[in-house]
Amino acid sequence: MTGQAPSLSFEIFPPKPEVGNTKILQALKEMQDLAPHFISVTCSNNNLNVEETTIRLADHIHNDLQIPSIAHLPAAYLTRDKVKSVLTALDDIGVQRILALRGDIIDGLPPKEDFRYATDLVSFIKEEAPHFDIIGACYPEVHPESPNSVSDIKNLKKKVDAGCSSLVTQLFFDNEVFYDFQEKCSLADIEVPIIAGIMPIINRNQALRLLKTCENIRLPRKFKAILEKYEHNPESLRAAGLAYAVDQIIDLVTNDVHGVHLYTMNNAATARYVHQATHALFKH
């Protein structure tokens, strides 16, 4: 990566229909001023009205805000015909980058049979629309359903070989975990760029949700101390959480990371703080 500045990008998610788009549109307007390399738009298996949620926001980002956009596409509950329809809709708006996922399996709702794994979706898109750029997800601390890291890396290699041009990681809080993962990928001949996913923890509910749902994520002593000391002090927790994320990013860029993908939780203030603290590191 010598001589090439890393990328800084943001992730946003479509709000629930009853909430409406006013807040996210305002947040995106504020994020536009930060000139991210791209903004990705999530898509949940709980709401597969892709056209009215993910594609609509990706259209706004790409065409109105003039920021490159990536549309998430989870495979588990999609049929081949539905994917063809989504690809056509994305082509129509000029968005030709997809983050291909399997997505979470919903309790009590069996997935479709067309795409068992993200790799199946990657292969299908490459056959149907080879001009699409496909990004894959990866897990520095092993996918929760993988038996071990060796199996996880083997499956990741299959996904990359199927057609992923780059990878974006699940969030992590220990950079040494990321560096170890990079080394494993290198040994497995996974040579595509790996973008580090960073989520600043800025409030108590976010922290509690993290502790409940991300049991496989290693929390360094310093990070746990922040959660414990400032659990009931919102202002201090936000300041410490942002500072921790900035420290992570500085260390990652110093160690030649290809890019940082910020899980913004639709919070423009978070994106702005991180950008102001680190933007000199990402200049071209």
Protein backbone atom coordinates (compact mmCIF):
# COMPACT_ATOMS: atom_id res chain seq x y z
CA MET A 1 0.00 0.00 0.00
CA THR A 2 3.05 2.25 -0.17
CA GLY A 3 2.18 5.68 -1.57
CA GLN A 4 -1.56 5.10 -1.53
CA ALA A 5 -3.75 6.74 1.09
CA PRO A 6 -6.24 4.44 2.82
CA SER A 7 -9.96 4.91 2.34
CA LEU A 8 -12.46 6.16 4.93
CA SER A 9 -16.03 5.05 4.35
CA PHE A 10 -19.31 4.99 6.27
CA GLU A 11 -22.13 2.50 6.78
CA ILE A 12 -25.74 3.56 7.28
CA PHE A 13 -28.94 1.57 7.63
CA PRO A 14 -32.46 2.32 6.34
CA PRO A 15 -34.75 3.35 9.22
CA LYS A 16 -37.95 1.49 9.97
CA PRO A 17 -40.85 2.66 7.77
CA GLU A 18 -42.73 4.07 10.76
CA VAL A 19 -39.73 6.24 11.62
CA GLY A 20 -39.41 7.72 8.13
CA ASN A 21 -36.38 8.97 6.23
CA THR A 22 -36.15 12.58 7.45
CA LYS A 23 -33.41 11.98 10.02
CA ILE A 24 -31.27 9.74 7.83
CA LEU A 25 -31.50 12.16 4.89
CA GLN A 26 -30.30 14.97 7.15
CA ALA A 27 -27.50 12.77 8.51
CA LEU A 28 -26.43 11.90 4.96
CA LYS A 29 -26.38 15.58 4.00
CA GLU A 30 -23.98 16.19 6.89
CA MET A 31 -21.87 13.16 5.94
CA GLN A 32 -21.65 14.45 2.36
CA ASP A 33 -19.50 17.34 3.58
CA LEU A 34 -16.96 14.80 4.91
CA ALA A 35 -16.38 13.37 1.40
CA PRO A 36 -16.19 9.67 2.34
CA HIS A 37 -14.76 7.29 -0.25
CA PHE A 38 -18.13 5.51 -0.25
CA ILE A 39 -21.24 4.97 1.86
CA SER A 40 -22.71 1.49 2.17
CA VAL A 41 -26.41 0.87 2.84
CA THR A 42 -27.41 -2.18 4.84
CA CYS A 43 -30.25 -4.57 4.07
CA SER A 44 -31.84 -6.75 6.72
CA ASN A 45 -33.34 -10.20 6.32
CA ASN A 46 -36.12 -8.89 8.57
CA ASN A 47 -37.14 -6.47 5.84
CA LEU A 48 -36.58 -7.61 2.29
CA ASN A 49 -38.38 -4.68 0.68
CA VAL A 50 -35.02 -3.91 -0.87
CA GLU A 51 -36.29 -1.51 -3.52
CA GLU A 52 -37.99 0.83 -1.03
CA THR A 53 -35.20 0.78 1.54
CA THR A 54 -31.66 -0.10 0.52
CA ILE A 55 -31.91 0.75 -3.18
CA ARG A 56 -33.76 4.02 -2.59
CA LEU A 57 -31.08 5.27 -0.17
CA ALA A 58 -28.26 4.01 -2.40
CA ASP A 59 -29.85 5.96 -5.28
CA HIS A 60 -29.97 9.13 -3.18
CA ILE A 61 -26.34 8.74 -2.06
CA HIS A 62 -25.02 7.94 -5.53
CA ASN A 63 -27.06 10.32 -7.68
CA ASP A 64 -28.15 13.18 -5.41
CA LEU A 65 -25.16 13.40 -3.09
CA GLN A 66 -22.63 12.25 -5.72
CA ILE A 67 -20.94 9.82 -3.30
CA PRO A 68 -20.10 6.27 -4.43
CA SER A 69 -22.53 3.82 -2.83
CA ILE A 70 -22.52 0.13 -2.04
CA ALA A 71 -25.74 -1.82 -1.54
CA HIS A 72 -25.77 -4.68 0.95
CA LEU A 73 -27.51 -7.83 -0.23
CA PRO A 74 -28.16 -10.72 2.19
CA ALA A 75 -28.75 -14.00 0.38
CA ALA A 76 -30.52 -16.34 2.80
CA TYR A 77 -34.10 -15.30 2.00
CA LEU A 78 -33.65 -14.33 -1.64
CA THR A 79 -34.50 -16.30 -4.78
CA ARG A 80 -32.53 -16.15 -7.99
CA ASP A 81 -35.33 -14.19 -9.65
CA LYS A 82 -35.35 -11.66 -6.82
CA VAL A 83 -31.59 -11.16 -7.12
CA LYS A 84 -31.94 -10.63 -10.88
CA SER A 85 -34.57 -7.98 -10.17
CA VAL A 86 -32.33 -6.26 -7.62
CA LEU A 87 -29.38 -6.27 -10.01
CA THR A 88 -31.53 -4.64 -12.70
CA ALA A 89 -32.77 -2.01 -10.26
CA LEU A 90 -29.22 -1.21 -9.15
CA ASP A 91 -28.03 -1.04 -12.76
CA ASP A 92 -30.83 1.42 -13.50
CA ILE A 93 -29.58 3.86 -10.86
CA GLY A 94 -25.91 3.34 -11.68
CA VAL A 95 -24.94 1.56 -8.46
CA GLN A 96 -22.82 -1.43 -9.43
CA ARG A 97 -21.15 -2.35 -6.15
CA ILE A 98 -22.65 -4.94 -3.80
CA LEU A 99 -21.67 -6.20 -0.38
CA ALA A 100 -22.70 -9.84 -0.67
CA LEU A 101 -23.78 -11.50 2.59
CA ARG A 102 -25.70 -14.51 3.76
CA GLY A 103 -27.40 -12.47 6.46
CA ASP A 104 -28.82 -13.56 9.79
CA ILE A 105 -31.13 -16.54 9.97
CA ILE A 106 -34.43 -15.55 11.58
CA ASP A 107 -35.76 -17.83 14.32
CA GLY A 108 -38.75 -19.80 13.08
CA LEU A 109 -38.31 -18.75 9.45
CA PRO A 110 -36.49 -21.29 7.28
CA PRO A 111 -34.22 -19.67 4.65
CA LYS A 112 -34.72 -20.15 0.93
CA GLU A 113 -32.79 -22.87 -0.88
CA ASP A 114 -31.27 -20.77 -3.67
CA PHE A 115 -28.32 -19.33 -1.75
CA ARG A 116 -27.12 -21.23 1.30
CA TYR A 117 -23.97 -19.16 1.68
CA ALA A 118 -22.70 -15.75 0.60
CA THR A 119 -20.31 -17.55 -1.76
CA ASP A 120 -23.33 -18.87 -3.69
CA LEU A 121 -24.59 -15.31 -4.11
CA VAL A 122 -21.18 -14.06 -5.23
CA SER A 123 -20.95 -16.77 -7.89
CA PHE A 124 -24.47 -16.07 -9.12
CA ILE A 125 -23.90 -12.33 -9.48
CA LYS A 126 -20.64 -12.93 -11.33
CA GLU A 127 -22.53 -15.16 -13.78
CA GLU A 128 -25.53 -12.86 -14.22
CA ALA A 129 -23.84 -9.45 -14.10
CA PRO A 130 -20.05 -9.78 -14.23
CA HIS A 131 -19.62 -5.99 -14.39
CA PHE A 132 -20.71 -5.69 -10.74
CA ASP A 133 -18.00 -5.15 -8.16
CA ILE A 134 -18.61 -7.51 -5.25
CA ILE A 135 -17.33 -6.95 -1.73
CA GLY A 136 -17.36 -9.72 0.87
CA ALA A 137 -17.72 -9.67 4.64
CA CYS A 138 -15.17 -11.29 6.93
CA TYR A 139 -14.76 -12.00 10.63
CA PRO A 140 -11.36 -11.40 12.24
CA GLU A 141 -12.53 -13.34 15.30
CA VAL A 142 -14.12 -16.18 13.29
CA HIS A 143 -17.70 -16.35 12.02
CA PRO A 144 -19.98 -17.37 14.94
CA GLU A 145 -21.09 -20.49 13.05
CA SER A 146 -17.63 -21.65 11.99
CA PRO A 147 -16.12 -24.51 14.00
CA ASN A 148 -12.66 -22.91 14.03
CA SER A 149 -10.47 -20.31 12.34
CA VAL A 150 -9.01 -22.77 9.82
CA SER A 151 -12.45 -23.64 8.50
CA ASP A 152 -13.42 -19.97 8.48
CA ILE A 153 -10.37 -18.93 6.44
CA LYS A 154 -10.94 -21.79 3.97
CA ASN A 155 -14.53 -20.63 3.40
CA LEU A 156 -13.36 -17.04 3.06
CA LYS A 157 -10.86 -18.13 0.42
CA LYS A 158 -13.72 -19.78 -1.52
CA LYS A 159 -15.74 -16.57 -1.33
CA VAL A 160 -12.85 -14.45 -2.60
CA ASP A 161 -12.11 -16.91 -5.40
CA ALA A 162 -15.79 -16.78 -6.41
CA GLY A 163 -15.37 -13.10 -7.25
CA CYS A 164 -14.91 -10.71 -4.31
CA SER A 165 -12.62 -7.80 -5.12
CA SER A 166 -12.22 -6.72 -1.47
CA LEU A 167 -13.36 -7.56 2.06
CA VAL A 168 -14.86 -5.56 4.92
CA THR A 169 -14.49 -6.87 8.45
CA GLN A 170 -17.00 -7.26 11.21
CA LEU A 171 -16.35 -4.78 14.02
CA PHE A 172 -13.48 -5.47 16.40
CA PHE A 173 -11.90 -3.64 19.34
CA ASP A 174 -8.49 -5.29 19.52
CA ASN A 175 -6.26 -4.34 16.59
CA GLU A 176 -3.93 -7.27 17.30
CA VAL A 177 -6.83 -9.55 16.38
CA PHE A 178 -7.07 -7.78 13.02
CA TYR A 179 -3.33 -8.03 12.34
CA ASP A 180 -3.39 -11.74 13.18
CA PHE A 181 -6.34 -12.18 10.81
CA GLN A 182 -4.48 -10.34 8.04
CA GLU A 183 -1.55 -12.71 8.47
CA LYS A 184 -3.81 -15.78 8.26
CA CYS A 185 -5.36 -14.42 5.09
CA SER A 186 -1.94 -13.85 3.57
CA LEU A 187 -0.90 -17.41 4.37
CA ALA A 188 -4.08 -18.63 2.67
CA ASP A 189 -3.31 -16.58 -0.47
CA ILE A 190 -6.22 -14.23 0.14
CA GLU A 191 -4.70 -11.17 -1.49
CA VAL A 192 -7.62 -8.76 -1.91
CA PRO A 193 -7.71 -5.53 0.14
CA ILE A 194 -9.16 -5.93 3.65
CA ILE A 195 -11.01 -2.90 5.02
CA ALA A 196 -11.26 -2.66 8.81
CA GLY A 197 -14.73 -2.18 10.28
CA ILE A 198 -14.74 0.14 13.30
CA MET A 199 -17.72 0.97 15.52
CA PRO A 200 -17.36 3.75 18.09
CA ILE A 201 -19.33 2.87 21.22
CA ILE A 202 -20.96 6.11 22.33
CA ASN A 203 -23.86 5.17 24.62
CA ARG A 204 -24.86 2.64 27.26
CA ASN A 205 -27.55 0.87 25.20
CA GLN A 206 -25.07 0.33 22.39
CA ALA A 207 -22.56 -1.10 24.87
CA LEU A 208 -25.11 -3.44 26.46
CA ARG A 209 -26.26 -4.65 23.04
CA LEU A 210 -22.65 -5.27 22.08
CA LEU A 211 -21.98 -7.33 25.19
CA LYS A 212 -25.15 -9.36 24.61
CA THR A 213 -24.87 -10.11 20.91
CA CYS A 214 -21.13 -10.17 20.19
CA GLU A 215 -19.89 -12.80 22.60
CA ASN A 216 -17.07 -13.85 20.26
CA ILE A 217 -15.53 -10.36 20.11
CA ARG A 218 -12.49 -9.84 22.32
CA LEU A 219 -12.72 -6.77 24.52
CA PRO A 220 -9.31 -5.44 25.62
CA ARG A 221 -8.86 -4.47 29.26
CA LYS A 222 -8.71 -0.78 28.33
CA PHE A 223 -12.02 -0.99 26.49
CA LYS A 224 -13.77 -2.88 29.30
CA ALA A 225 -12.50 -0.29 31.77
CA ILE A 226 -14.19 2.45 29.73
CA LEU A 227 -17.52 0.61 29.76
CA GLU A 228 -17.32 -0.05 33.48
CA LYS A 229 -16.15 3.39 34.58
CA TYR A 230 -18.53 5.45 32.45
CA GLU A 231 -21.55 3.15 32.19
CA HIS A 232 -23.78 5.69 33.94
CA ASN A 233 -22.04 8.83 32.68
CA PRO A 234 -23.33 9.36 29.12
CA GLU A 235 -21.14 12.34 28.25
CA SER A 236 -17.94 10.71 29.44
CA LEU A 237 -18.82 7.37 27.80
CA ARG A 238 -19.34 9.09 24.47
CA ALA A 239 -16.05 10.99 24.74
CA ALA A 240 -14.09 7.92 25.80
CA GLY A 241 -15.74 5.69 23.18
CA LEU A 242 -14.90 8.12 20.39
CA ALA A 243 -11.34 8.53 21.62
CA TYR A 244 -10.89 4.75 21.72
CA ALA A 245 -12.12 4.43 18.11
CA VAL A 246 -9.80 7.22 16.96
CA ASP A 247 -6.85 5.51 18.65
CA GLN A 248 -7.76 2.27 16.85
CA ILE A 249 -7.91 4.05 13.51
CA ILE A 250 -4.60 5.86 13.97
CA ASP A 251 -2.91 2.56 14.81
CA LEU A 252 -4.51 0.81 11.82
CA VAL A 253 -3.48 3.52 9.36
CA THR A 254 0.02 3.60 10.82
CA ASN A 255 0.18 -0.12 10.06
CA ASP A 256 -0.91 0.37 6.43
CA VAL A 257 -4.54 -0.74 6.57
CA HIS A 258 -6.22 -0.52 3.15
CA GLY A 259 -9.19 1.34 4.55
CA VAL A 260 -11.46 1.99 7.51
CA HIS A 261 -15.21 1.44 7.31
CA LEU A 262 -17.02 3.32 10.06
CA TYR A 263 -20.21 1.79 11.43
CA THR A 264 -21.91 5.14 12.05
CA MET A 265 -25.26 3.86 13.38
CA ASN A 266 -26.72 6.72 11.27
CA ASN A 267 -25.03 9.24 13.56
CA ALA A 268 -23.51 12.10 11.56
CA ALA A 269 -21.92 13.58 14.68
CA THR A 270 -19.93 10.37 15.18
CA ALA A 271 -18.78 10.42 11.56
CA ARG A 272 -17.81 14.08 11.84
CA TYR A 273 -15.83 13.61 15.04
CA VAL A 274 -13.84 10.70 13.63
CA HIS A 275 -13.28 12.53 10.35
CA GLN A 276 -12.02 15.68 12.06
CA ALA A 277 -9.66 13.69 14.25
CA THR A 278 -8.22 11.54 11.47
CA HIS A 279 -8.88 13.17 8.06
CA ALA A 280 -5.24 14.05 7.47
CA LEU A 281 -4.44 10.33 7.52
CA PHE A 282 -6.82 9.64 4.62
CA LYS A 283 -5.81 12.43 2.23
CA HIS A 284 -4.95 11.33 -1.28
